[in-house]
Amino acid sequence: MTRNASPLLALSTLILATCLAHGTAHARGPADLINDPSEIGMTLPGTMAKSIKEERILDTTDGEGNQVIVARTTRAPGTRTPLHLHEYGGTTCVLEGEMTLYLEGATPQKAVAGQCYYMPAGKAMAGINTGNVNAVMLDTFKVPAGRPVWTVVESSGRVLQDQFDVHKH
């Protein structure tokens, strides 16, 4: 048994090192609070603020225990979301104005009216209205029924956690 343990240990170490090198072991969780965006190498423009308006235009289940949500959100120029994550990913499509996605470990991605961006699961991110007019977006999510669509991980932004709670709007 001792003779076979060495190759198994080496293989396990190699697999773990490969996962770490490719980022799969770096998924962030809802409990991983960030005090300042610079902790994860981000400099965010804009002022953190609640969006002007949030409206769920679709909120249904898919018959497999998942909730399908489409929300229309309006954000003022120069404002941003707090750093947050989506445990199950999501998509934002810009209908009016422009938004820039600042995603942990990636180059900022600008989307103007008619363009969309994907928000992967487990990565800290912030959406910033980098334009000069209100940005109107459609956010689409599929989450296990009753789960939040986002989790705020920026300490100073935790007060905005319930921004998209269907019972509050």
N, C-alpha and C. Protein backbone atom coordinates (compact mmCIF):
# COMPACT_ATOMS: atom_id res chain seq x y z
N MET A 1 0.83 -1.19 0.00
CA MET A 1 0.00 0.00 0.00
C MET A 1 0.87 1.25 0.00
N THR A 2 1.97 1.25 0.72
CA THR A 2 2.85 2.41 0.79
C THR A 2 3.45 2.70 -0.58
N ARG A 3 3.80 1.63 -1.32
CA ARG A 3 4.38 1.85 -2.64
C ARG A 3 3.41 2.56 -3.58
N ASN A 4 2.13 2.28 -3.53
CA ASN A 4 1.15 2.88 -4.42
C ASN A 4 0.71 4.27 -3.96
N ALA A 5 0.90 4.60 -2.71
CA ALA A 5 0.47 5.89 -2.17
C ALA A 5 1.27 7.03 -2.77
N SER A 6 2.55 6.81 -3.03
CA SER A 6 3.40 7.86 -3.56
C SER A 6 2.94 8.37 -4.93
N PRO A 7 2.67 7.51 -5.91
CA PRO A 7 2.17 8.00 -7.20
C PRO A 7 0.81 8.68 -7.06
N LEU A 8 -0.05 8.16 -6.19
CA LEU A 8 -1.36 8.76 -5.98
C LEU A 8 -1.23 10.15 -5.38
N LEU A 9 -0.34 10.30 -4.42
CA LEU A 9 -0.10 11.60 -3.81
C LEU A 9 0.47 12.58 -4.83
N ALA A 10 1.39 12.10 -5.66
CA ALA A 10 1.97 12.96 -6.71
C ALA A 10 0.90 13.38 -7.70
N LEU A 11 0.02 12.45 -8.09
CA LEU A 11 -1.05 12.78 -9.03
C LEU A 11 -2.02 13.79 -8.42
N SER A 12 -2.38 13.60 -7.15
CA SER A 12 -3.28 14.53 -6.46
C SER A 12 -2.67 15.92 -6.39
N THR A 13 -1.38 15.99 -6.10
CA THR A 13 -0.68 17.27 -6.03
C THR A 13 -0.67 17.94 -7.39
N LEU A 14 -0.43 17.17 -8.44
CA LEU A 14 -0.42 17.71 -9.80
C LEU A 14 -1.80 18.26 -10.19
N ILE A 15 -2.86 17.52 -9.87
CA ILE A 15 -4.22 17.97 -10.18
C ILE A 15 -4.53 19.26 -9.44
N LEU A 16 -4.21 19.32 -8.15
CA LEU A 16 -4.45 20.53 -7.37
C LEU A 16 -3.66 21.71 -7.93
N ALA A 17 -2.41 21.50 -8.28
CA ALA A 17 -1.59 22.58 -8.84
C ALA A 17 -2.17 23.06 -10.16
N THR A 18 -2.66 22.14 -10.99
CA THR A 18 -3.27 22.51 -12.27
C THR A 18 -4.52 23.35 -12.04
N CYS A 19 -5.37 22.92 -11.10
CA CYS A 19 -6.59 23.68 -10.78
C CYS A 19 -6.24 25.09 -10.28
N LEU A 20 -5.26 25.18 -9.42
CA LEU A 20 -4.86 26.49 -8.91
C LEU A 20 -4.32 27.37 -10.02
N ALA A 21 -3.55 26.80 -10.91
CA ALA A 21 -2.97 27.57 -12.01
C ALA A 21 -4.03 28.08 -12.97
N HIS A 22 -5.13 27.33 -13.12
CA HIS A 22 -6.17 27.73 -14.07
C HIS A 22 -7.32 28.46 -13.41
N GLY A 23 -7.24 28.70 -12.12
CA GLY A 23 -8.23 29.53 -11.46
C GLY A 23 -9.48 28.82 -10.98
N THR A 24 -9.62 27.53 -11.23
CA THR A 24 -10.84 26.87 -10.82
C THR A 24 -10.97 26.79 -9.31
N ALA A 25 -9.88 26.84 -8.59
CA ALA A 25 -9.95 26.79 -7.14
C ALA A 25 -10.09 28.19 -6.55
N HIS A 26 -10.21 29.21 -7.41
CA HIS A 26 -10.28 30.58 -6.93
C HIS A 26 -11.68 31.19 -6.97
N ALA A 27 -12.69 30.37 -7.14
CA ALA A 27 -14.05 30.91 -7.15
C ALA A 27 -14.33 31.55 -5.79
N ARG A 28 -14.88 32.73 -5.83
CA ARG A 28 -15.19 33.48 -4.62
C ARG A 28 -16.57 33.05 -4.14
N GLY A 29 -16.77 33.07 -2.84
CA GLY A 29 -18.06 32.73 -2.25
C GLY A 29 -18.70 33.93 -1.60
N PRO A 30 -19.99 33.83 -1.25
CA PRO A 30 -20.72 34.94 -0.66
C PRO A 30 -20.14 35.46 0.66
N ALA A 31 -19.41 34.62 1.37
CA ALA A 31 -18.85 35.05 2.66
C ALA A 31 -17.50 35.74 2.52
N ASP A 32 -16.94 35.80 1.31
CA ASP A 32 -15.62 36.40 1.09
C ASP A 32 -15.76 37.91 0.93
N LEU A 33 -15.79 38.63 2.04
CA LEU A 33 -15.96 40.08 1.98
C LEU A 33 -14.68 40.78 1.53
N ILE A 34 -14.86 41.88 0.82
CA ILE A 34 -13.77 42.71 0.32
C ILE A 34 -13.94 44.10 0.93
N ASN A 35 -12.92 44.58 1.63
CA ASN A 35 -13.02 45.90 2.25
C ASN A 35 -12.76 47.02 1.26
N ASP A 36 -11.88 46.76 0.30
CA ASP A 36 -11.53 47.78 -0.68
C ASP A 36 -11.23 47.06 -2.00
N PRO A 37 -11.75 47.59 -3.14
CA PRO A 37 -11.49 46.94 -4.43
C PRO A 37 -10.01 46.71 -4.73
N SER A 38 -9.13 47.55 -4.17
CA SER A 38 -7.70 47.39 -4.44
C SER A 38 -7.16 46.06 -3.88
N GLU A 39 -7.88 45.47 -2.93
CA GLU A 39 -7.47 44.17 -2.37
C GLU A 39 -7.43 43.10 -3.45
N ILE A 40 -8.24 43.26 -4.50
CA ILE A 40 -8.26 42.27 -5.58
C ILE A 40 -7.76 42.90 -6.89
N GLY A 41 -6.97 43.98 -6.75
CA GLY A 41 -6.33 44.59 -7.91
C GLY A 41 -7.24 45.44 -8.78
N MET A 42 -8.34 45.94 -8.21
CA MET A 42 -9.28 46.75 -9.00
C MET A 42 -9.28 48.20 -8.53
N THR A 43 -9.37 49.08 -9.50
CA THR A 43 -9.62 50.50 -9.24
C THR A 43 -10.93 50.82 -9.96
N LEU A 44 -11.95 51.13 -9.19
CA LEU A 44 -13.27 51.34 -9.77
C LEU A 44 -13.62 52.81 -9.89
N PRO A 45 -14.01 53.25 -11.08
CA PRO A 45 -14.48 54.62 -11.23
C PRO A 45 -15.91 54.72 -10.71
N GLY A 46 -16.41 55.93 -10.61
CA GLY A 46 -17.81 56.12 -10.23
C GLY A 46 -18.05 56.07 -8.74
N THR A 47 -19.27 56.39 -8.38
CA THR A 47 -19.70 56.41 -6.99
C THR A 47 -20.66 55.26 -6.76
N MET A 48 -20.41 54.47 -5.71
CA MET A 48 -21.31 53.38 -5.39
C MET A 48 -22.68 53.96 -5.02
N ALA A 49 -23.74 53.45 -5.66
CA ALA A 49 -25.08 53.94 -5.39
C ALA A 49 -26.11 52.91 -5.81
N LYS A 50 -27.26 52.98 -5.16
CA LYS A 50 -28.39 52.15 -5.55
C LYS A 50 -28.84 52.58 -6.94
N SER A 51 -29.36 51.66 -7.71
CA SER A 51 -29.86 52.03 -9.03
C SER A 51 -31.09 52.91 -8.88
N ILE A 52 -31.43 53.63 -9.95
CA ILE A 52 -32.58 54.53 -9.94
C ILE A 52 -33.88 53.73 -9.85
N LYS A 53 -33.92 52.62 -10.59
CA LYS A 53 -35.13 51.81 -10.63
C LYS A 53 -34.78 50.37 -10.93
N GLU A 54 -35.47 49.45 -10.27
CA GLU A 54 -35.35 48.03 -10.55
C GLU A 54 -36.77 47.49 -10.69
N GLU A 55 -36.95 46.63 -11.69
CA GLU A 55 -38.27 46.07 -11.92
C GLU A 55 -38.10 44.65 -12.47
N ARG A 56 -38.70 43.68 -11.82
CA ARG A 56 -38.69 42.31 -12.34
C ARG A 56 -39.79 42.22 -13.39
N ILE A 57 -39.39 41.98 -14.62
CA ILE A 57 -40.40 41.88 -15.68
C ILE A 57 -40.75 40.43 -15.98
N LEU A 58 -39.94 39.51 -15.47
CA LEU A 58 -40.26 38.08 -15.53
C LEU A 58 -39.71 37.44 -14.28
N ASP A 59 -40.54 36.66 -13.62
CA ASP A 59 -40.12 35.93 -12.43
C ASP A 59 -40.96 34.66 -12.40
N THR A 60 -40.39 33.56 -12.87
CA THR A 60 -41.13 32.32 -13.00
C THR A 60 -40.22 31.15 -12.66
N THR A 61 -40.79 29.96 -12.59
CA THR A 61 -39.99 28.76 -12.37
C THR A 61 -39.97 27.94 -13.64
N ASP A 62 -38.94 27.12 -13.76
CA ASP A 62 -38.77 26.35 -14.99
C ASP A 62 -39.25 24.90 -14.88
N GLY A 63 -39.85 24.53 -13.78
CA GLY A 63 -40.32 23.16 -13.60
C GLY A 63 -39.25 22.22 -13.08
N GLU A 64 -38.04 22.72 -12.93
CA GLU A 64 -36.93 21.90 -12.41
C GLU A 64 -36.38 22.47 -11.12
N GLY A 65 -37.17 23.32 -10.46
CA GLY A 65 -36.74 23.90 -9.19
C GLY A 65 -35.91 25.16 -9.33
N ASN A 66 -35.84 25.71 -10.52
CA ASN A 66 -35.08 26.93 -10.75
C ASN A 66 -36.02 28.11 -10.98
N GLN A 67 -35.55 29.27 -10.59
CA GLN A 67 -36.26 30.51 -10.81
C GLN A 67 -35.59 31.23 -11.98
N VAL A 68 -36.38 31.66 -12.94
CA VAL A 68 -35.88 32.40 -14.09
C VAL A 68 -36.32 33.84 -13.89
N ILE A 69 -35.35 34.75 -13.88
CA ILE A 69 -35.63 36.16 -13.56
C ILE A 69 -35.06 37.05 -14.65
N VAL A 70 -35.87 37.98 -15.11
CA VAL A 70 -35.41 39.04 -16.00
C VAL A 70 -35.78 40.35 -15.30
N ALA A 71 -34.77 41.18 -15.06
CA ALA A 71 -34.99 42.45 -14.36
C ALA A 71 -34.55 43.60 -15.25
N ARG A 72 -35.36 44.65 -15.26
CA ARG A 72 -34.99 45.89 -15.96
C ARG A 72 -34.47 46.85 -14.89
N THR A 73 -33.25 47.32 -15.09
CA THR A 73 -32.59 48.19 -14.10
C THR A 73 -32.13 49.47 -14.79
N THR A 74 -32.31 50.59 -14.10
CA THR A 74 -31.84 51.88 -14.61
C THR A 74 -30.80 52.42 -13.64
N ARG A 75 -29.64 52.79 -14.18
CA ARG A 75 -28.53 53.30 -13.36
C ARG A 75 -28.12 54.66 -13.87
N ALA A 76 -27.91 55.61 -12.94
CA ALA A 76 -27.51 56.98 -13.27
C ALA A 76 -26.06 57.02 -13.75
N PRO A 77 -25.73 58.03 -14.60
CA PRO A 77 -24.34 58.18 -15.05
C PRO A 77 -23.39 58.36 -13.87
N GLY A 78 -22.22 57.76 -14.00
CA GLY A 78 -21.19 57.92 -12.97
C GLY A 78 -21.41 57.12 -11.71
N THR A 79 -22.42 56.25 -11.69
CA THR A 79 -22.65 55.43 -10.50
C THR A 79 -22.30 53.98 -10.80
N ARG A 80 -22.07 53.24 -9.73
CA ARG A 80 -21.68 51.84 -9.86
C ARG A 80 -22.38 50.99 -8.81
N THR A 81 -22.42 49.70 -9.10
CA THR A 81 -22.88 48.74 -8.11
C THR A 81 -21.75 48.53 -7.10
N PRO A 82 -22.08 48.00 -5.94
CA PRO A 82 -20.99 47.54 -5.08
C PRO A 82 -20.38 46.29 -5.72
N LEU A 83 -19.17 45.95 -5.31
CA LEU A 83 -18.61 44.68 -5.74
C LEU A 83 -19.55 43.57 -5.28
N HIS A 84 -19.87 42.69 -6.19
CA HIS A 84 -20.80 41.61 -5.89
C HIS A 84 -20.43 40.39 -6.72
N LEU A 85 -21.11 39.28 -6.46
CA LEU A 85 -20.93 38.10 -7.29
C LEU A 85 -22.28 37.47 -7.55
N HIS A 86 -22.29 36.66 -8.57
CA HIS A 86 -23.47 35.87 -8.91
C HIS A 86 -23.07 34.42 -8.75
N GLU A 87 -23.72 33.72 -7.83
CA GLU A 87 -23.35 32.33 -7.58
C GLU A 87 -23.64 31.43 -8.78
N TYR A 88 -24.56 31.86 -9.65
CA TYR A 88 -24.94 31.03 -10.78
C TYR A 88 -24.76 31.74 -12.12
N GLY A 89 -24.08 32.87 -12.14
CA GLY A 89 -23.85 33.60 -13.38
C GLY A 89 -25.09 34.34 -13.84
N GLY A 90 -24.94 35.10 -14.89
CA GLY A 90 -26.06 35.87 -15.44
C GLY A 90 -25.60 36.66 -16.66
N THR A 91 -26.56 37.33 -17.29
CA THR A 91 -26.27 38.11 -18.48
C THR A 91 -26.91 39.49 -18.34
N THR A 92 -26.19 40.52 -18.77
CA THR A 92 -26.72 41.88 -18.83
C THR A 92 -26.72 42.33 -20.28
N CYS A 93 -27.87 42.85 -20.73
CA CYS A 93 -27.99 43.45 -22.05
C CYS A 93 -28.35 44.92 -21.86
N VAL A 94 -27.58 45.80 -22.47
CA VAL A 94 -27.80 47.24 -22.34
C VAL A 94 -28.81 47.66 -23.40
N LEU A 95 -29.89 48.29 -22.95
CA LEU A 95 -30.94 48.77 -23.85
C LEU A 95 -30.72 50.23 -24.23
N GLU A 96 -30.24 51.02 -23.26
CA GLU A 96 -29.96 52.44 -23.48
C GLU A 96 -28.70 52.80 -22.71
N GLY A 97 -27.91 53.73 -23.24
CA GLY A 97 -26.71 54.19 -22.55
C GLY A 97 -25.55 53.23 -22.70
N GLU A 98 -24.69 53.22 -21.69
CA GLU A 98 -23.52 52.34 -21.70
C GLU A 98 -23.18 51.90 -20.29
N MET A 99 -22.70 50.69 -20.19
CA MET A 99 -22.25 50.13 -18.92
C MET A 99 -20.89 49.49 -19.15
N THR A 100 -20.07 49.50 -18.11
CA THR A 100 -18.79 48.82 -18.18
C THR A 100 -18.73 47.83 -17.03
N LEU A 101 -18.44 46.56 -17.37
CA LEU A 101 -18.30 45.52 -16.37
C LEU A 101 -16.84 45.45 -15.94
N TYR A 102 -16.61 45.63 -14.65
CA TYR A 102 -15.30 45.44 -14.06
C TYR A 102 -15.36 44.08 -13.36
N LEU A 103 -14.63 43.11 -13.91
CA LEU A 103 -14.68 41.73 -13.45
C LEU A 103 -13.31 41.34 -12.89
N GLU A 104 -13.33 40.75 -11.73
CA GLU A 104 -12.10 40.30 -11.07
C GLU A 104 -11.25 39.47 -12.03
N GLY A 105 -10.00 39.89 -12.21
CA GLY A 105 -9.06 39.15 -13.05
C GLY A 105 -9.21 39.37 -14.54
N ALA A 106 -10.02 40.36 -14.95
CA ALA A 106 -10.25 40.58 -16.38
C ALA A 106 -10.16 42.07 -16.72
N THR A 107 -10.01 42.35 -18.00
CA THR A 107 -10.01 43.73 -18.50
C THR A 107 -11.45 44.24 -18.49
N PRO A 108 -11.68 45.52 -18.10
CA PRO A 108 -13.05 46.06 -18.13
C PRO A 108 -13.67 45.89 -19.52
N GLN A 109 -14.96 45.57 -19.52
CA GLN A 109 -15.68 45.30 -20.76
C GLN A 109 -16.85 46.27 -20.90
N LYS A 110 -16.77 47.15 -21.90
CA LYS A 110 -17.81 48.14 -22.13
C LYS A 110 -18.88 47.56 -23.05
N ALA A 111 -20.15 47.86 -22.72
CA ALA A 111 -21.27 47.48 -23.58
C ALA A 111 -22.16 48.69 -23.76
N VAL A 112 -22.49 48.99 -24.99
CA VAL A 112 -23.40 50.10 -25.30
C VAL A 112 -24.74 49.50 -25.73
N ALA A 113 -25.73 50.38 -25.94
CA ALA A 113 -27.07 49.92 -26.30
C ALA A 113 -27.00 48.88 -27.42
N GLY A 114 -27.68 47.76 -27.20
CA GLY A 114 -27.69 46.68 -28.17
C GLY A 114 -26.63 45.62 -27.93
N GLN A 115 -25.78 45.80 -26.91
CA GLN A 115 -24.73 44.82 -26.60
C GLN A 115 -24.98 44.20 -25.22
N CYS A 116 -24.42 43.01 -25.03
CA CYS A 116 -24.59 42.27 -23.78
C CYS A 116 -23.23 41.81 -23.26
N TYR A 117 -23.20 41.49 -21.99
CA TYR A 117 -22.03 40.83 -21.42
C TYR A 117 -22.47 39.74 -20.44
N TYR A 118 -21.62 38.72 -20.33
CA TYR A 118 -21.86 37.59 -19.44
C TYR A 118 -21.17 37.85 -18.11
N MET A 119 -21.85 37.51 -17.01
CA MET A 119 -21.29 37.65 -15.67
C MET A 119 -21.07 36.24 -15.10
N PRO A 120 -19.83 35.75 -15.11
CA PRO A 120 -19.59 34.38 -14.66
C PRO A 120 -19.81 34.20 -13.17
N ALA A 121 -20.12 33.00 -12.79
CA ALA A 121 -20.32 32.67 -11.37
C ALA A 121 -19.00 32.76 -10.61
N GLY A 122 -19.09 33.21 -9.35
CA GLY A 122 -17.96 33.14 -8.45
C GLY A 122 -16.86 34.16 -8.64
N LYS A 123 -17.09 35.21 -9.40
CA LYS A 123 -16.10 36.26 -9.60
C LYS A 123 -16.66 37.58 -9.09
N ALA A 124 -15.86 38.33 -8.34
CA ALA A 124 -16.29 39.65 -7.89
C ALA A 124 -16.37 40.58 -9.09
N MET A 125 -17.39 41.43 -9.10
CA MET A 125 -17.59 42.33 -10.23
C MET A 125 -18.35 43.57 -9.79
N ALA A 126 -18.27 44.60 -10.62
CA ALA A 126 -19.07 45.81 -10.44
C ALA A 126 -19.47 46.30 -11.81
N GLY A 127 -20.70 46.77 -11.92
CA GLY A 127 -21.19 47.38 -13.15
C GLY A 127 -21.21 48.89 -12.97
N ILE A 128 -20.59 49.62 -13.89
CA ILE A 128 -20.48 51.08 -13.79
C ILE A 128 -21.11 51.73 -15.01
N ASN A 129 -21.96 52.72 -14.78
CA ASN A 129 -22.49 53.50 -15.89
C ASN A 129 -21.39 54.49 -16.25
N THR A 130 -20.66 54.19 -17.30
CA THR A 130 -19.54 55.02 -17.74
C THR A 130 -19.97 56.00 -18.82
N GLY A 131 -21.26 56.08 -19.08
CA GLY A 131 -21.77 57.00 -20.08
C GLY A 131 -22.24 58.32 -19.46
N ASN A 132 -22.90 59.14 -20.30
CA ASN A 132 -23.39 60.46 -19.86
C ASN A 132 -24.89 60.51 -19.68
N VAL A 133 -25.59 59.39 -19.92
CA VAL A 133 -27.04 59.32 -19.75
C VAL A 133 -27.37 58.10 -18.90
N ASN A 134 -28.61 58.04 -18.42
CA ASN A 134 -29.04 56.86 -17.67
C ASN A 134 -28.84 55.62 -18.53
N ALA A 135 -28.38 54.56 -17.90
CA ALA A 135 -28.24 53.27 -18.57
C ALA A 135 -29.43 52.40 -18.16
N VAL A 136 -30.07 51.79 -19.15
CA VAL A 136 -31.18 50.87 -18.90
C VAL A 136 -30.72 49.50 -19.37
N MET A 137 -30.87 48.52 -18.49
CA MET A 137 -30.37 47.17 -18.77
C MET A 137 -31.42 46.12 -18.50
N LEU A 138 -31.27 44.98 -19.15
CA LEU A 138 -32.02 43.78 -18.82
C LEU A 138 -31.02 42.78 -18.27
N ASP A 139 -31.25 42.34 -17.04
CA ASP A 139 -30.41 41.33 -16.41
C ASP A 139 -31.19 40.03 -16.38
N THR A 140 -30.56 38.95 -16.80
CA THR A 140 -31.22 37.64 -16.85
C THR A 140 -30.46 36.65 -15.97
N PHE A 141 -31.21 35.95 -15.13
CA PHE A 141 -30.62 34.99 -14.20
C PHE A 141 -31.46 33.72 -14.14
N LYS A 142 -30.80 32.60 -13.89
CA LYS A 142 -31.46 31.34 -13.58
C LYS A 142 -30.79 30.82 -12.32
N VAL A 143 -31.56 30.79 -11.23
CA VAL A 143 -31.02 30.39 -9.93
C VAL A 143 -31.95 29.37 -9.28
N PRO A 144 -31.43 28.55 -8.36
CA PRO A 144 -32.34 27.68 -7.62
C PRO A 144 -33.41 28.54 -6.93
N ALA A 145 -34.65 28.10 -6.97
CA ALA A 145 -35.77 28.88 -6.44
C ALA A 145 -35.46 29.39 -5.03
N GLY A 146 -35.70 30.68 -4.84
CA GLY A 146 -35.50 31.31 -3.54
C GLY A 146 -34.11 31.83 -3.27
N ARG A 147 -33.15 31.54 -4.14
CA ARG A 147 -31.77 32.02 -3.95
C ARG A 147 -31.65 33.45 -4.47
N PRO A 148 -30.76 34.26 -3.88
CA PRO A 148 -30.57 35.62 -4.39
C PRO A 148 -29.87 35.61 -5.75
N VAL A 149 -30.15 36.62 -6.56
CA VAL A 149 -29.47 36.72 -7.87
C VAL A 149 -28.07 37.28 -7.71
N TRP A 150 -27.83 38.00 -6.62
CA TRP A 150 -26.50 38.54 -6.39
C TRP A 150 -26.19 38.52 -4.90
N THR A 151 -24.90 38.58 -4.57
CA THR A 151 -24.45 38.72 -3.20
C THR A 151 -23.41 39.83 -3.18
N VAL A 152 -23.69 40.87 -2.41
CA VAL A 152 -22.74 41.98 -2.29
C VAL A 152 -21.58 41.51 -1.42
N VAL A 153 -20.35 41.67 -1.95
CA VAL A 153 -19.16 41.25 -1.21
C VAL A 153 -18.28 42.44 -0.81
N GLU A 154 -18.64 43.65 -1.23
CA GLU A 154 -17.90 44.85 -0.82
C GLU A 154 -18.50 45.32 0.50
N SER A 155 -17.68 45.33 1.54
CA SER A 155 -18.15 45.63 2.89
C SER A 155 -19.03 46.87 2.96
N SER A 156 -18.57 47.96 2.37
CA SER A 156 -19.32 49.22 2.48
C SER A 156 -20.61 49.23 1.65
N GLY A 157 -20.80 48.21 0.82
CA GLY A 157 -21.99 48.15 -0.01
C GLY A 157 -23.03 47.15 0.46
N ARG A 158 -22.79 46.50 1.60
CA ARG A 158 -23.71 45.46 2.08
C ARG A 158 -25.13 45.98 2.27
N VAL A 159 -25.29 47.28 2.53
CA VAL A 159 -26.62 47.85 2.72
C VAL A 159 -27.47 47.76 1.45
N LEU A 160 -26.83 47.51 0.31
CA LEU A 160 -27.55 47.42 -0.97
C LEU A 160 -27.92 45.97 -1.32
N GLN A 161 -27.65 45.03 -0.42
CA GLN A 161 -27.91 43.62 -0.71
C GLN A 161 -29.35 43.36 -1.16
N ASP A 162 -30.31 44.03 -0.53
CA ASP A 162 -31.72 43.74 -0.86
C ASP A 162 -32.26 44.55 -2.03
N GLN A 163 -31.38 45.21 -2.77
CA GLN A 163 -31.82 46.07 -3.87
C GLN A 163 -32.72 45.35 -4.87
N PHE A 164 -32.47 44.10 -5.13
CA PHE A 164 -33.24 43.38 -6.14
C PHE A 164 -34.25 42.41 -5.53
N ASP A 165 -34.52 42.56 -4.24
CA ASP A 165 -35.50 41.71 -3.56
C ASP A 165 -36.89 42.04 -4.11
N VAL A 166 -37.56 41.07 -4.70
CA VAL A 166 -38.84 41.27 -5.34
C VAL A 166 -39.89 41.82 -4.37
N HIS A 167 -39.75 41.55 -3.08
CA HIS A 167 -40.75 42.01 -2.12
C HIS A 167 -40.58 43.47 -1.75
N LYS A 168 -39.49 44.08 -2.13
CA LYS A 168 -39.22 45.47 -1.75
C LYS A 168 -39.59 46.44 -2.85
N HIS A 169 -39.88 45.95 -4.06
CA HIS A 169 -40.14 46.88 -5.19
C HIS A 169 -41.46 46.55 -5.84
